[in-house]
PDB file of N, CA and C in Angstrom:
ATOM      1  N   MET A   1     -93.776 121.845 -46.811  1.00  0.00           N
ATOM      2  CA  MET A   1     -94.720 122.821 -47.252  1.00  0.00           C
ATOM      3  C   MET A   1     -95.974 122.076 -47.703  1.00  0.00           C
ATOM      4  N   TYR A   2     -97.122 122.632 -47.384  1.00  0.00           N
ATOM      5  CA  TYR A   2     -98.399 122.026 -47.756  1.00  0.00           C
ATOM      6  C   TYR A   2     -99.212 123.031 -48.562  1.00  0.00           C
ATOM      7  N   ASP A   3     -99.779 122.557 -49.674  1.00  0.00           N
ATOM      8  CA  ASP A   3    -100.661 123.386 -50.493  1.00  0.00           C
ATOM      9  C   ASP A   3    -101.842 122.528 -50.906  1.00  0.00           C
ATOM     10  N   ARG A   4    -102.968 122.731 -50.252  1.00  0.00           N
ATOM     11  CA  ARG A   4    -104.130 121.864 -50.495  1.00  0.00           C
ATOM     12  C   ARG A   4    -104.694 121.984 -51.901  1.00  0.00           C
ATOM     13  N   ASP A   5    -104.385 123.077 -52.612  1.00  0.00           N
ATOM     14  CA  ASP A   5    -104.914 123.279 -53.954  1.00  0.00           C
ATOM     15  C   ASP A   5    -103.979 122.788 -55.061  1.00  0.00           C
ATOM     16  N   ALA A   6    -102.789 122.359 -54.701  1.00  0.00           N
ATOM     17  CA  ALA A   6    -101.803 121.923 -55.692  1.00  0.00           C
ATOM     18  C   ALA A   6    -101.965 120.438 -56.014  1.00  0.00           C
ATOM     19  N   ALA A   7    -101.475 120.037 -57.178  1.00  0.00           N
ATOM     20  CA  ALA A   7    -101.485 118.617 -57.542  1.00  0.00           C
ATOM     21  C   ALA A   7    -100.589 117.822 -56.599  1.00  0.00           C
ATOM     22  N   VAL A   8     -99.445 118.401 -56.235  1.00  0.00           N
ATOM     23  CA  VAL A   8     -98.547 117.803 -55.249  1.00  0.00           C
ATOM     24  C   VAL A   8     -98.736 118.608 -53.969  1.00  0.00           C
ATOM     25  N   LYS A   9     -99.480 118.028 -53.039  1.00  0.00           N
ATOM     26  CA  LYS A   9     -99.869 118.768 -51.840  1.00  0.00           C
ATOM     27  C   LYS A   9     -98.729 118.938 -50.830  1.00  0.00           C
ATOM     28  N   TRP A  10     -97.837 117.969 -50.751  1.00  0.00           N
ATOM     29  CA  TRP A  10     -96.767 118.003 -49.752  1.00  0.00           C
ATOM     30  C   TRP A  10     -95.402 118.098 -50.432  1.00  0.00           C
ATOM     31  N   THR A  11     -94.642 119.111 -50.088  1.00  0.00           N
ATOM     32  CA  THR A  11     -93.286 119.296 -50.588  1.00  0.00           C
ATOM     33  C   THR A  11     -92.352 119.346 -49.389  1.00  0.00           C
ATOM     34  N   ILE A  12     -91.393 118.428 -49.354  1.00  0.00           N
ATOM     35  CA  ILE A  12     -90.478 118.303 -48.226  1.00  0.00           C
ATOM     36  C   ILE A  12     -89.067 118.653 -48.698  1.00  0.00           C
ATOM     37  N   GLY A  13     -88.425 119.602 -48.036  1.00  0.00           N
ATOM     38  CA  GLY A  13     -87.085 120.031 -48.393  1.00  0.00           C
ATOM     39  C   GLY A  13     -86.011 119.302 -47.609  1.00  0.00           C
ATOM     40  N   VAL A  14     -84.977 118.868 -48.315  1.00  0.00           N
ATOM     41  CA  VAL A  14     -83.832 118.188 -47.703  1.00  0.00           C
ATOM     42  C   VAL A  14     -82.550 118.707 -48.351  1.00  0.00           C
ATOM     43  N   LYS A  15     -81.425 118.437 -47.716  1.00  0.00           N
ATOM     44  CA  LYS A  15     -80.135 118.699 -48.352  1.00  0.00           C
ATOM     45  C   LYS A  15     -79.841 117.538 -49.284  1.00  0.00           C
ATOM     46  N   ASP A  16     -79.493 117.856 -50.521  1.00  0.00           N
ATOM     47  CA  ASP A  16     -79.232 116.823 -51.524  1.00  0.00           C
ATOM     48  C   ASP A  16     -77.865 116.207 -51.291  1.00  0.00           C
ATOM     49  N   ASP A  17     -77.857 114.903 -51.009  1.00  0.00           N
ATOM     50  CA  ASP A  17     -76.594 114.190 -50.850  1.00  0.00           C
ATOM     51  C   ASP A  17     -76.373 113.203 -51.988  1.00  0.00           C
ATOM     52  N   GLY A  18     -77.211 113.304 -53.029  1.00  0.00           N
ATOM     53  CA  GLY A  18     -77.080 112.439 -54.187  1.00  0.00           C
ATOM     54  C   GLY A  18     -77.846 111.136 -54.094  1.00  0.00           C
ATOM     55  N   SER A  19     -78.457 110.858 -52.947  1.00  0.00           N
ATOM     56  CA  SER A  19     -79.174 109.594 -52.798  1.00  0.00           C
ATOM     57  C   SER A  19     -80.626 109.732 -53.245  1.00  0.00           C
ATOM     58  N   LYS A  20     -81.223 108.593 -53.582  1.00  0.00           N
ATOM     59  CA  LYS A  20     -82.645 108.561 -53.911  1.00  0.00           C
ATOM     60  C   LYS A  20     -83.431 108.847 -52.633  1.00  0.00           C
ATOM     61  N   ARG A  21     -84.555 109.487 -52.741  1.00  0.00           N
ATOM     62  CA  ARG A  21     -85.333 109.886 -51.569  1.00  0.00           C
ATOM     63  C   ARG A  21     -86.706 109.228 -51.499  1.00  0.00           C
ATOM     64  N   PHE A  22     -86.882 108.130 -52.238  1.00  0.00           N
ATOM     65  CA  PHE A  22     -88.180 107.469 -52.254  1.00  0.00           C
ATOM     66  C   PHE A  22     -88.552 106.900 -50.885  1.00  0.00           C
ATOM     67  N   GLY A  23     -87.577 106.353 -50.184  1.00  0.00           N
ATOM     68  CA  GLY A  23     -87.840 105.805 -48.856  1.00  0.00           C
ATOM     69  C   GLY A  23     -88.307 106.871 -47.892  1.00  0.00           C
ATOM     70  N   TYR A  24     -87.692 108.031 -47.962  1.00  0.00           N
ATOM     71  CA  TYR A  24     -88.089 109.131 -47.087  1.00  0.00           C
ATOM     72  C   TYR A  24     -89.483 109.629 -47.456  1.00  0.00           C
ATOM     73  N   ALA A  25     -89.772 109.736 -48.748  1.00  0.00           N
ATOM     74  CA  ALA A  25     -91.102 110.155 -49.182  1.00  0.00           C
ATOM     75  C   ALA A  25     -92.160 109.148 -48.726  1.00  0.00           C
ATOM     76  N   SER A  26     -91.851 107.860 -48.813  1.00  0.00           N
ATOM     77  CA  SER A  26     -92.781 106.823 -48.341  1.00  0.00           C
ATOM     78  C   SER A  26     -92.999 106.927 -46.837  1.00  0.00           C
ATOM     79  N   PHE A  27     -91.933 107.230 -46.095  1.00  0.00           N
ATOM     80  CA  PHE A  27     -92.055 107.432 -44.656  1.00  0.00           C
ATOM     81  C   PHE A  27     -92.985 108.609 -44.350  1.00  0.00           C
ATOM     82  N   ILE A  28     -92.849 109.695 -45.098  1.00  0.00           N
ATOM     83  CA  ILE A  28     -93.722 110.855 -44.904  1.00  0.00           C
ATOM     84  C   ILE A  28     -95.173 110.460 -45.179  1.00  0.00           C
ATOM     85  N   CYS A  29     -95.399 109.679 -46.241  1.00  0.00           N
ATOM     86  CA  CYS A  29     -96.752 109.183 -46.525  1.00  0.00           C
ATOM     87  C   CYS A  29     -97.304 108.379 -45.356  1.00  0.00           C
ATOM     88  N   LEU A  30     -96.487 107.513 -44.799  1.00  0.00           N
ATOM     89  CA  LEU A  30     -96.905 106.700 -43.663  1.00  0.00           C
ATOM     90  C   LEU A  30     -97.305 107.576 -42.479  1.00  0.00           C
ATOM     91  N   ARG A  31     -96.481 108.552 -42.173  1.00  0.00           N
ATOM     92  CA  ARG A  31     -96.775 109.460 -41.045  1.00  0.00           C
ATOM     93  C   ARG A  31     -98.045 110.267 -41.303  1.00  0.00           C
ATOM     94  N   LEU A  32     -98.217 110.749 -42.528  1.00  0.00           N
ATOM     95  CA  LEU A  32     -99.426 111.506 -42.865  1.00  0.00           C
ATOM     96  C   LEU A  32    -100.662 110.631 -42.716  1.00  0.00           C
ATOM     97  N   SER A  33    -100.547 109.373 -43.143  1.00  0.00           N
ATOM     98  CA  SER A  33    -101.649 108.433 -43.008  1.00  0.00           C
ATOM     99  C   SER A  33    -101.974 108.177 -41.538  1.00  0.00           C
ATOM    100  N   GLU A  34    -100.951 107.988 -40.721  1.00  0.00           N
ATOM    101  CA  GLU A  34    -101.151 107.770 -39.282  1.00  0.00           C
ATOM    102  C   GLU A  34    -101.846 108.961 -38.626  1.00  0.00           C
ATOM    103  N   LEU A  35    -101.553 110.147 -39.131  1.00  0.00           N
ATOM    104  CA  LEU A  35    -102.165 111.366 -38.593  1.00  0.00           C
ATOM    105  C   LEU A  35    -103.546 111.627 -39.188  1.00  0.00           C
ATOM    106  N   GLY A  36    -103.915 110.830 -40.184  1.00  0.00           N
ATOM    107  CA  GLY A  36    -105.234 110.958 -40.794  1.00  0.00           C
ATOM    108  C   GLY A  36    -105.386 112.157 -41.711  1.00  0.00           C
ATOM    109  N   VAL A  37    -104.290 112.589 -42.324  1.00  0.00           N
ATOM    110  CA  VAL A  37    -104.364 113.781 -43.174  1.00  0.00           C
ATOM    111  C   VAL A  37    -104.136 113.488 -44.657  1.00  0.00           C
ATOM    112  N   THR A  38    -104.101 112.211 -45.030  1.00  0.00           N
ATOM    113  CA  THR A  38    -103.972 111.900 -46.455  1.00  0.00           C
ATOM    114  C   THR A  38    -105.355 111.896 -47.090  1.00  0.00           C
ATOM    115  N   GLU A  39    -105.381 112.222 -48.363  1.00  0.00           N
ATOM    116  CA  GLU A  39    -106.594 112.193 -49.165  1.00  0.00           C
ATOM    117  C   GLU A  39    -106.314 111.314 -50.379  1.00  0.00           C
ATOM    118  N   ASP A  40    -107.329 111.058 -51.193  1.00  0.00           N
ATOM    119  CA  ASP A  40    -107.090 110.344 -52.441  1.00  0.00           C
ATOM    120  C   ASP A  40    -106.065 111.115 -53.256  1.00  0.00           C
ATOM    121  N   ASN A  41    -105.154 110.397 -53.846  1.00  0.00           N
ATOM    122  CA  ASN A  41    -104.128 110.981 -54.717  1.00  0.00           C
ATOM    123  C   ASN A  41    -103.146 111.899 -53.997  1.00  0.00           C
ATOM    124  N   THR A  42    -102.922 111.702 -52.705  1.00  0.00           N
ATOM    125  CA  THR A  42    -101.915 112.490 -51.990  1.00  0.00           C
ATOM    126  C   THR A  42    -100.540 112.111 -52.523  1.00  0.00           C
ATOM    127  N   VAL A  43     -99.766 113.123 -52.870  1.00  0.00           N
ATOM    128  CA  VAL A  43     -98.417 112.938 -53.388  1.00  0.00           C
ATOM    129  C   VAL A  43     -97.452 113.736 -52.536  1.00  0.00           C
ATOM    130  N   VAL A  44     -96.313 113.115 -52.232  1.00  0.00           N
ATOM    131  CA  VAL A  44     -95.239 113.777 -51.493  1.00  0.00           C
ATOM    132  C   VAL A  44     -94.064 113.940 -52.444  1.00  0.00           C
ATOM    133  N   ARG A  45     -93.574 115.166 -52.554  1.00  0.00           N
ATOM    134  CA  ARG A  45     -92.400 115.464 -53.384  1.00  0.00           C
ATOM    135  C   ARG A  45     -91.258 115.868 -52.463  1.00  0.00           C
ATOM    136  N   ILE A  46     -90.082 115.314 -52.732  1.00  0.00           N
ATOM    137  CA  ILE A  46     -88.880 115.685 -51.995  1.00  0.00           C
ATOM    138  C   ILE A  46     -88.071 116.624 -52.889  1.00  0.00           C
ATOM    139  N   VAL A  47     -87.655 117.754 -52.324  1.00  0.00           N
ATOM    140  CA  VAL A  47     -86.894 118.738 -53.103  1.00  0.00           C
ATOM    141  C   VAL A  47     -85.573 119.055 -52.418  1.00  0.00           C
ATOM    142  N   ASP A  48     -84.614 119.446 -53.244  1.00  0.00           N
ATOM    143  CA  ASP A  48     -83.336 119.969 -52.748  1.00  0.00           C
ATOM    144  C   ASP A  48     -83.630 121.374 -52.217  1.00  0.00           C
ATOM    145  N   ILE A  49     -83.534 121.551 -50.923  1.00  0.00           N
ATOM    146  CA  ILE A  49     -83.935 122.815 -50.308  1.00  0.00           C
ATOM    147  C   ILE A  49     -83.103 123.993 -50.798  1.00  0.00           C
ATOM    148  N   SER A  50     -81.844 123.785 -51.091  1.00  0.00           N
ATOM    149  CA  SER A  50     -81.001 124.871 -51.599  1.00  0.00           C
ATOM    150  C   SER A  50     -81.467 125.317 -52.984  1.00  0.00           C
ATOM    151  N   ARG A  51     -81.709 124.359 -53.872  1.00  0.00           N
ATOM    152  CA  ARG A  51     -82.206 124.695 -55.214  1.00  0.00           C
ATOM    153  C   ARG A  51     -83.605 125.279 -55.155  1.00  0.00           C
ATOM    154  N   PHE A  52     -84.423 124.784 -54.243  1.00  0.00           N
ATOM    155  CA  PHE A  52     -85.780 125.299 -54.068  1.00  0.00           C
ATOM    156  C   PHE A  52     -85.741 126.784 -53.716  1.00  0.00           C
ATOM    157  N   ARG A  53     -84.895 127.130 -52.775  1.00  0.00           N
ATOM    158  CA  ARG A  53     -84.775 128.536 -52.364  1.00  0.00           C
ATOM    159  C   ARG A  53     -84.202 129.398 -53.480  1.00  0.00           C
ATOM    160  N   SER A  54     -83.154 128.926 -54.142  1.00  0.00           N
ATOM    161  CA  SER A  54     -82.504 129.735 -55.172  1.00  0.00           C
ATOM    162  C   SER A  54     -83.356 129.871 -56.434  1.00  0.00           C
ATOM    163  N   SER A  55     -84.306 128.961 -56.627  1.00  0.00           N
ATOM    164  CA  SER A  55     -85.181 129.024 -57.801  1.00  0.00           C
ATOM    165  C   SER A  55     -86.446 129.822 -57.530  1.00  0.00           C
ATOM    166  N   GLY A  56     -86.525 130.413 -56.361  1.00  0.00           N
ATOM    167  CA  GLY A  56     -87.719 131.186 -56.031  1.00  0.00           C
ATOM    168  C   GLY A  56     -88.908 130.326 -55.659  1.00  0.00           C
ATOM    169  N   GLY A  57     -88.639 129.114 -55.188  1.00  0.00           N
ATOM    170  CA  GLY A  57     -89.711 128.223 -54.759  1.00  0.00           C
ATOM    171  C   GLY A  57     -90.270 127.337 -55.857  1.00  0.00           C
ATOM    172  N   ASP A  58     -89.481 127.085 -56.907  1.00  0.00           N
ATOM    173  CA  ASP A  58     -89.917 126.214 -57.998  1.00  0.00           C
ATOM    174  C   ASP A  58     -89.647 124.761 -57.614  1.00  0.00           C
ATOM    175  N   ALA A  59     -90.678 124.067 -57.142  1.00  0.00           N
ATOM    176  CA  ALA A  59     -90.525 122.696 -56.661  1.00  0.00           C
ATOM    177  C   ALA A  59     -90.153 121.732 -57.778  1.00  0.00           C
ATOM    178  N   ARG A  60     -90.643 121.958 -58.974  1.00  0.00           N
ATOM    179  CA  ARG A  60     -90.309 121.060 -60.091  1.00  0.00           C
ATOM    180  C   ARG A  60     -88.832 121.139 -60.419  1.00  0.00           C
ATOM    181  N   GLU A  61     -88.291 122.343 -60.410  1.00  0.00           N
ATOM    182  CA  GLU A  61     -86.873 122.523 -60.720  1.00  0.00           C
ATOM    183  C   GLU A  61     -85.986 121.878 -59.655  1.00  0.00           C
ATOM    184  N   ALA A  62     -86.426 121.899 -58.410  1.00  0.00           N
ATOM    185  CA  ALA A  62     -85.624 121.392 -57.301  1.00  0.00           C
ATOM    186  C   ALA A  62     -85.947 119.946 -56.939  1.00  0.00           C
ATOM    187  N   SER A  63     -86.851 119.308 -57.675  1.00  0.00           N
ATOM    188  CA  SER A  63     -87.347 117.980 -57.315  1.00  0.00           C
ATOM    189  C   SER A  63     -86.258 116.915 -57.317  1.00  0.00           C
ATOM    190  N   LEU A  64     -86.303 116.077 -56.281  1.00  0.00           N
ATOM    191  CA  LEU A  64     -85.437 114.896 -56.190  1.00  0.00           C
ATOM    192  C   LEU A  64     -86.251 113.622 -56.387  1.00  0.00           C
ATOM    193  N   GLY A  65     -87.554 113.762 -56.571  1.00  0.00           N
ATOM    194  CA  GLY A  65     -88.443 112.617 -56.754  1.00  0.00           C
ATOM    195  C   GLY A  65     -89.634 112.699 -55.826  1.00  0.00           C
ATOM    196  N   GLY A  66     -90.508 111.721 -55.962  1.00  0.00           N
ATOM    197  CA  GLY A  66     -91.704 111.717 -55.137  1.00  0.00           C
ATOM    198  C   GLY A  66     -92.371 110.362 -55.108  1.00  0.00           C
ATOM    199  N   VAL A  67     -93.455 110.316 -54.316  1.00  0.00           N
ATOM    200  CA  VAL A  67     -94.205 109.078 -54.137  1.00  0.00           C
ATOM    201  C   VAL A  67     -95.688 109.408 -54.047  1.00  0.00           C
ATOM    202  N   SER A  68     -96.499 108.586 -54.702  1.00  0.00           N
ATOM    203  CA  SER A  68     -97.942 108.637 -54.522  1.00  0.00           C
ATOM    204  C   SER A  68     -98.257 107.833 -53.267  1.00  0.00           C
ATOM    205  N   CYS A  69     -98.857 108.453 -52.283  1.00  0.00           N
ATOM    206  CA  CYS A  69     -99.138 107.759 -51.024  1.00  0.00           C
ATOM    207  C   CYS A  69    -100.161 106.635 -51.206  1.00  0.00           C
ATOM    208  N   GLU A  70    -101.073 106.806 -52.128  1.00  0.00           N
ATOM    209  CA  GLU A  70    -102.128 105.825 -52.342  1.00  0.00           C
ATOM    210  C   GLU A  70    -101.606 104.542 -52.976  1.00  0.00           C
ATOM    211  N   THR A  71    -100.714 104.673 -53.961  1.00  0.00           N
ATOM    212  CA  THR A  71    -100.245 103.510 -54.715  1.00  0.00           C
ATOM    213  C   THR A  71     -98.795 103.146 -54.429  1.00  0.00           C
ATOM    214  N   ASP A  72     -98.079 104.006 -53.716  1.00  0.00           N
ATOM    215  CA  ASP A  72     -96.651 103.856 -53.448  1.00  0.00           C
ATOM    216  C   ASP A  72     -95.823 103.893 -54.732  1.00  0.00           C
ATOM    217  N   GLN A  73     -96.408 104.449 -55.802  1.00  0.00           N
ATOM    218  CA  GLN A  73     -95.688 104.604 -57.060  1.00  0.00           C
ATOM    219  C   GLN A  73     -94.652 105.705 -56.910  1.00  0.00           C
ATOM    220  N   GLN A  74     -93.432 105.412 -57.335  1.00  0.00           N
ATOM    221  CA  GLN A  74     -92.329 106.365 -57.248  1.00  0.00           C
ATOM    222  C   GLN A  74     -92.137 107.047 -58.595  1.00  0.00           C
ATOM    223  N   TRP A  75     -91.664 108.281 -58.556  1.00  0.00           N
ATOM    224  CA  TRP A  75     -91.321 108.979 -59.786  1.00  0.00           C
ATOM    225  C   TRP A  75     -90.082 109.817 -59.576  1.00  0.00           C
ATOM    226  N   ASP A  76     -89.273 109.848 -60.594  1.00  0.00           N
ATOM    227  CA  ASP A  76     -88.047 110.631 -60.594  1.00  0.00           C
ATOM    228  C   ASP A  76     -88.365 112.062 -61.005  1.00  0.00           C
ATOM    229  N   PRO A  77     -87.424 112.936 -60.706  1.00  0.00           N
ATOM    230  CA  PRO A  77     -87.657 114.348 -61.061  1.00  0.00           C
ATOM    231  C   PRO A  77     -87.954 114.495 -62.513  1.00  0.00           C
TER     232      PRO A  77
END
């Protein structure tokens, strides 16, 4: 999901298997950069898609972590 007006512009839903998702978020950043669609402070958040849906689309509640594409800084939910 993309929201250009949000602080976290990219939200990617996955099935939660208990693993950290920083590598996947970094991969998404790389692909976005290759496509030329990253901006300053682009952040990718990975969410548990089941929790995201059941929470009515609350990405913070469903967050599994994220990455700042510019600095590669990782953050936990």
